[in-house]
Protein backbone atom coordinates (compact mmCIF):
# COMPACT_ATOMS: atom_id res chain seq x y z
CA MET A 1 83.25 89.48 108.91
CA SER A 2 82.94 92.43 111.24
CA LYS A 3 81.46 95.93 111.20
CA LYS A 4 83.81 97.13 113.93
CA HIS A 5 87.02 95.44 112.79
CA PRO A 6 86.99 94.98 108.99
CA ILE A 7 89.49 92.79 107.14
CA ILE A 8 90.76 93.65 103.66
CA ALA A 9 92.66 90.92 101.84
CA VAL A 10 94.64 91.12 98.62
CA THR A 11 95.28 87.69 97.17
CA GLY A 12 97.82 87.20 94.42
CA SER A 13 101.02 85.36 93.63
CA SER A 14 104.44 87.02 93.57
CA GLY A 15 104.89 89.39 90.64
CA SER A 16 101.17 89.72 89.98
CA GLY A 17 101.00 93.41 90.86
CA THR A 18 100.89 93.23 94.65
CA THR A 19 103.62 95.90 94.89
CA THR A 20 101.32 98.31 93.04
CA VAL A 21 98.58 97.44 95.52
CA LYS A 22 100.86 98.16 98.50
CA LYS A 23 101.66 101.61 97.14
CA ALA A 24 97.99 102.34 96.46
CA MET A 25 97.07 101.25 99.98
CA GLN A 26 99.79 103.46 101.48
CA HIS A 27 98.33 106.45 99.64
CA ILE A 28 94.86 105.58 100.97
CA TYR A 29 96.15 105.26 104.56
CA ARG A 30 97.89 108.63 104.37
CA ARG A 31 95.03 110.58 102.82
CA ASN A 32 92.46 109.28 105.30
CA GLY A 33 94.56 108.92 108.44
CA PHE A 34 93.77 105.23 108.71
CA LYS A 35 95.74 102.99 111.06
CA ALA A 36 96.03 99.46 109.66
CA VAL A 37 97.64 96.28 110.90
CA VAL A 38 99.51 94.71 107.97
CA VAL A 39 99.70 90.93 107.73
CA GLU A 40 102.02 89.32 105.17
CA GLY A 41 101.07 85.96 103.74
CA ASP A 42 104.65 84.65 103.99
CA SER A 43 104.32 84.87 107.76
CA PHE A 44 102.01 81.87 107.68
CA HIS A 45 104.30 79.52 105.76
CA LYS A 46 105.00 76.37 107.71
CA TYR A 47 108.77 76.12 107.27
CA GLU A 48 111.73 78.42 107.73
CA ARG A 49 114.23 78.54 104.87
CA LYS A 50 116.66 76.00 106.35
CA ASP A 51 113.84 73.49 106.93
CA MET A 52 112.14 73.78 103.55
CA GLY A 53 114.75 71.76 101.62
CA PRO A 54 114.63 68.71 103.92
CA ALA A 55 110.82 68.93 104.03
CA LEU A 56 110.65 68.94 100.22
CA LYS A 57 112.95 65.93 100.03
CA ALA A 58 110.89 64.02 102.60
CA ALA A 59 107.67 64.81 100.72
CA GLU A 60 109.15 63.66 97.40
CA GLU A 61 110.26 60.36 98.96
CA LYS A 62 106.68 59.81 100.12
CA GLY A 63 105.24 60.78 96.75
CA GLU A 64 103.52 63.81 98.30
CA VAL A 65 103.16 67.40 97.12
CA LEU A 66 104.71 70.20 99.18
CA SER A 67 104.66 73.82 98.06
CA HIS A 68 104.00 77.33 99.30
CA PHE A 69 100.75 77.25 97.34
CA GLY A 70 99.14 74.40 99.27
CA ALA A 71 98.07 73.22 102.71
CA SER A 72 101.20 71.17 103.37
CA GLY A 73 103.42 74.25 103.20
CA ASN A 74 101.26 76.69 105.16
CA GLU A 75 99.46 77.25 108.44
CA PHE A 76 95.98 77.92 107.06
CA GLY A 77 94.36 77.22 110.42
CA MET A 78 96.49 79.84 112.16
CA LEU A 79 95.66 82.41 109.47
CA GLU A 80 91.95 81.74 109.82
CA GLU A 81 92.22 82.03 113.60
CA LEU A 82 93.91 85.44 113.28
CA PHE A 83 91.16 86.67 110.95
CA ARG A 84 88.45 85.31 113.26
CA GLU A 85 90.00 86.88 116.36
CA TYR A 86 90.63 90.24 114.71
CA GLY A 87 87.10 90.42 113.33
CA ARG A 88 85.69 89.61 116.77
CA THR A 89 87.93 91.73 119.01
CA GLY A 90 90.32 93.80 116.88
CA SER A 91 93.25 91.86 118.31
CA GLY A 92 95.31 88.73 117.66
CA LYS A 93 98.91 87.70 117.16
CA ASN A 94 101.10 88.25 114.12
CA ARG A 95 104.68 87.54 113.06
CA LYS A 96 106.93 88.29 110.10
CA TYR A 97 108.94 86.14 107.72
CA LEU A 98 112.34 87.80 107.55
CA HIS A 99 113.33 87.59 103.88
CA ASN A 100 116.73 89.28 104.00
CA GLU A 101 119.40 90.73 106.29
CA GLU A 102 117.75 94.14 106.41
CA GLU A 103 114.50 92.66 107.73
CA ALA A 104 116.26 90.22 110.08
CA LYS A 105 118.74 92.64 111.69
CA PRO A 106 116.30 94.37 114.10
CA TYR A 107 115.38 90.97 115.53
CA GLY A 108 118.97 89.69 115.79
CA GLN A 109 118.02 86.71 113.64
CA GLU A 110 119.11 85.08 110.39
CA PRO A 111 117.28 85.76 107.10
CA GLY A 112 114.78 83.08 106.23
CA THR A 113 113.41 82.80 109.77
CA PHE A 114 110.20 83.89 111.48
CA SER A 115 110.09 86.70 114.01
CA PRO A 116 108.46 85.93 117.38
CA TRP A 117 104.68 86.10 117.61
CA GLU A 118 103.61 89.51 118.89
CA PRO A 119 100.21 90.99 119.83
CA ILE A 120 98.59 93.27 117.28
CA GLU A 121 98.67 96.91 118.37
CA ASP A 122 95.46 98.37 119.76
CA LYS A 123 92.91 100.60 118.04
CA THR A 124 93.59 99.83 114.38
CA ASP A 125 90.99 100.73 111.75
CA PHE A 126 91.30 97.49 109.80
CA LEU A 127 93.52 94.51 109.06
CA PHE A 128 95.21 94.47 105.65
CA TYR A 129 96.41 91.08 104.40
CA GLU A 130 98.61 90.69 101.33
CA GLY A 131 99.67 87.24 100.20
CA LEU A 132 98.71 84.01 98.50
CA HIS A 133 95.79 82.85 100.61
CA GLY A 134 93.31 85.60 101.49
CA ALA A 135 90.37 83.38 100.53
CA VAL A 136 91.86 79.89 100.69
CA LYS A 137 89.86 76.82 101.69
CA ASP A 138 91.00 73.48 103.04
CA LYS A 139 87.91 71.28 102.87
CA GLU A 140 89.56 68.34 104.64
CA LYS A 141 90.22 70.46 107.76
CA GLY A 142 87.11 72.63 107.49
CA ILE A 143 89.13 75.81 106.98
CA ASP A 144 87.61 78.77 105.13
CA VAL A 145 89.78 81.88 105.42
CA GLY A 146 87.75 83.98 103.00
CA LYS A 147 84.52 83.91 105.03
CA HIS A 148 86.14 86.28 107.53
CA VAL A 149 87.16 88.85 104.90
CA ASP A 150 85.08 91.99 104.33
CA LEU A 151 86.78 93.15 101.11
CA LEU A 152 88.57 90.55 99.00
CA ILE A 153 90.69 91.74 96.08
CA GLY A 154 92.31 89.35 93.61
CA ILE A 155 95.47 90.40 91.78
CA THR A 156 96.55 87.86 89.20
CA PRO A 157 98.27 87.76 85.81
CA ILE A 158 97.27 85.21 83.19
CA VAL A 159 99.15 82.00 83.90
CA ASN A 160 101.70 82.27 81.04
CA LEU A 161 102.72 85.71 82.29
CA GLU A 162 103.00 84.39 85.84
CA TRP A 163 105.36 81.65 84.63
CA ILE A 164 107.47 84.13 82.64
CA GLN A 165 107.86 86.30 85.72
CA LYS A 166 108.84 83.37 87.92
CA ILE A 167 111.36 81.99 85.41
CA HIS A 168 112.90 85.42 84.90
CA ARG A 169 113.11 86.18 88.63
CA ASP A 170 114.45 82.79 89.72
CA THR A 171 117.08 82.59 87.01
CA SER A 172 118.30 86.20 87.11
CA GLU A 173 117.98 86.96 90.83
CA ARG A 174 118.26 83.58 92.54
CA GLY A 175 120.64 81.72 90.26
CA TYR A 176 118.42 78.76 89.40
CA SER A 177 118.61 77.04 86.04
CA PRO A 178 115.59 77.25 83.70
CA ASP A 179 115.09 73.48 84.04
CA LYS A 180 115.02 73.74 87.83
CA VAL A 181 112.43 76.51 87.72
CA THR A 182 110.30 74.51 85.27
CA ASP A 183 110.43 71.51 87.62
CA THR A 184 109.22 73.75 90.46
CA ILE A 185 106.31 75.05 88.36
CA LEU A 186 105.25 71.49 87.53
CA ARG A 187 105.62 70.32 91.14
CA ARG A 188 103.39 73.14 92.39
CA MET A 189 100.71 72.72 89.70
CA HIS A 190 98.42 70.50 91.81
CA ASP A 191 98.41 73.02 94.65
CA TYR A 192 98.03 75.93 92.23
CA VAL A 193 94.89 74.38 90.73
CA HIS A 194 93.35 73.30 94.04
CA TYR A 195 94.28 76.17 96.38
CA MET A 196 95.14 79.25 94.31
CA THR A 197 92.76 79.57 91.37
CA PRO A 198 89.52 78.77 93.29
CA GLN A 199 90.05 81.92 95.39
CA TYR A 200 89.44 84.22 92.42
CA THR A 201 85.87 82.93 92.13
CA HIS A 202 85.07 84.59 95.45
CA THR A 203 86.79 87.95 95.05
CA HIS A 204 84.72 91.10 95.34
CA ILE A 205 87.02 92.71 92.75
CA ASN A 206 89.53 90.95 90.54
CA PHE A 207 92.40 92.62 88.65
CA GLN A 208 93.89 90.36 85.99
CA ARG A 209 96.88 91.51 83.96
CA VAL A 210 96.89 90.41 80.32
CA PRO A 211 99.96 91.15 78.14
CA THR A 212 99.54 92.47 74.61
CA VAL A 213 102.73 90.76 73.41
CA ASP A 214 103.26 87.10 72.55
CA THR A 215 103.62 84.92 75.67
CA SER A 216 102.57 81.68 74.02
CA ASN A 217 105.77 79.88 75.07
CA PRO A 218 106.72 81.23 78.51
CA PHE A 219 109.70 78.89 78.75
CA ILE A 220 111.65 80.70 76.02
CA ALA A 221 110.57 84.28 76.74
CA ARG A 222 113.56 86.56 77.31
CA ASP A 223 111.77 89.58 78.73
CA VAL A 224 108.90 90.16 81.13
CA PRO A 225 106.16 92.23 79.45
CA THR A 226 105.89 95.68 81.01
CA MET A 227 102.71 97.24 82.40
CA ASP A 228 102.55 99.45 79.29
CA GLU A 229 102.54 96.26 77.21
CA SER A 230 99.50 95.00 79.11
CA PHE A 231 95.84 95.52 79.78
CA VAL A 232 94.27 94.95 83.18
CA VAL A 233 90.86 93.29 83.27
CA ILE A 234 88.83 94.42 86.29
CA ARG A 235 85.89 92.19 87.19
CA PHE A 236 83.38 93.18 89.90
CA GLY A 237 81.74 90.36 91.85
CA THR A 238 78.05 89.96 92.57
CA LYS A 239 78.09 92.08 95.76
CA LEU A 240 79.50 95.12 93.98
CA TYR A 241 78.91 95.13 90.24
CA GLN A 242 75.44 96.75 90.39
CA GLN A 243 76.78 99.60 92.56
CA ILE A 244 79.55 100.69 90.18
CA ASP A 245 79.21 103.87 88.11
CA TYR A 246 80.92 102.51 85.00
CA GLY A 247 80.50 105.77 83.09
CA TYR A 248 82.43 107.58 85.81
CA LEU A 249 85.26 105.01 85.73
CA LEU A 250 85.45 105.07 81.93
CA ASN A 251 85.80 108.84 82.09
CA MET A 252 88.42 108.73 84.83
CA LEU A 253 90.49 105.91 83.31
CA LYS A 254 91.45 107.08 79.83
CA GLY A 255 91.70 104.33 77.24
CA SER A 256 89.40 101.97 79.15
CA PHE A 257 86.37 100.11 77.83
CA MET A 258 83.68 97.67 78.95
CA SER A 259 83.99 94.04 77.86
CA ARG A 260 81.06 92.69 79.91
CA LYS A 261 78.41 94.27 82.10
CA ASN A 262 80.55 93.68 85.21
CA THR A 263 83.99 94.07 83.60
CA ILE A 264 86.09 97.06 82.63
CA VAL A 265 89.42 96.84 80.78
CA ILE A 266 92.09 99.47 81.38
CA PRO A 267 95.61 100.18 80.07
CA GLY A 268 98.17 98.47 82.31
CA GLY A 269 99.85 101.72 83.24
CA LYS A 270 96.59 102.91 84.85
CA MET A 271 96.44 100.05 87.37
CA GLY A 272 97.64 102.02 90.39
CA PHE A 273 95.27 104.91 89.70
CA ALA A 274 92.40 102.46 89.10
CA LEU A 275 93.08 100.73 92.42
CA GLU A 276 92.89 103.98 94.34
CA THR A 277 89.84 105.23 92.44
CA ILE A 278 87.87 102.02 92.99
CA ILE A 279 89.09 100.78 96.36
CA GLU A 280 89.38 103.97 98.43
CA PRO A 281 85.63 104.69 98.71
CA ILE A 282 84.96 101.05 99.61
CA ILE A 283 87.52 101.12 102.42
CA LYS A 284 86.15 104.43 103.71
CA ASN A 285 82.64 102.96 103.88
CA LEU A 286 83.89 99.80 105.60
CA VAL A 287 85.70 101.82 108.27
CA GLU A 288 82.88 104.34 108.77
CA THR A 289 79.80 102.11 108.43
CA GLY A 290 80.97 98.50 108.32
CA GLU A 291 79.18 98.02 104.99
CA LEU A 292 80.65 96.73 101.72
CA GLU A 293 79.58 99.58 99.47
CA TRP A 294 81.07 101.57 96.59
CA ARG A 295 80.13 105.19 96.17
CA ARG A 296 81.51 107.49 93.55
CA GLU A 297 84.04 109.92 95.02
CA GLN A 298 82.90 113.53 94.85
CA VAL A 299 85.49 115.66 92.98
């Protein structure tokens, strides 16, 4: 953690609401003139697309687990080193995972490959990480990514909703059969339990999306619940919850209510506005003072 070079990490699986977070962060950058270095979690996967299939097969033959959720499929040590170096000096090296032709074309590479490692540009205000592992730990290797993070935000749907989103995306957009997607969910469950869910214990703020429609059997659901068919549960961790002006947030976020002394529940459609209302003053204080502090915005 660093007063001069803060790190903000958003941890959440695909489809959890990370796109909403990206938009909210872009608004915050623009309003405040912040210069951020953006680090994508996919950049620290271990395998390129062409190598993942053979690696999965080799792991299965050995009776081992390999997934993008766990240590075997990622470079946790390299991610921690980047966070450590940025917090200490404001520098480090980053790369990109090139998902499609549009992203790959400027590099003259094929989709599904990594761009070359490049130095982080000078004089950035903070590092913004968005991916699966902003607070991941690997006890066997002594890796603790989260200890370097100044503001840790969890974005996660309840698990049935996460499965519905994955099944819908992989069958409609990627051409997989429902049985194949179910097999993938089961294969990744060990890593999900041991590497993903423990991170949300350590978040400074957690946004959990909860649908208000029946998702009791995610394997037969035909539609993904919309944000307007959801609530978002916002839980403030121990370092923040006593600083929050809950009356102010309840007034700003129409239709919201308190469910516990550190938890506010909002309509799903208000998630983007809630992110900006809650997170912007924290980021401003981190950049200006280096302190994790929430202060009500003066309007």
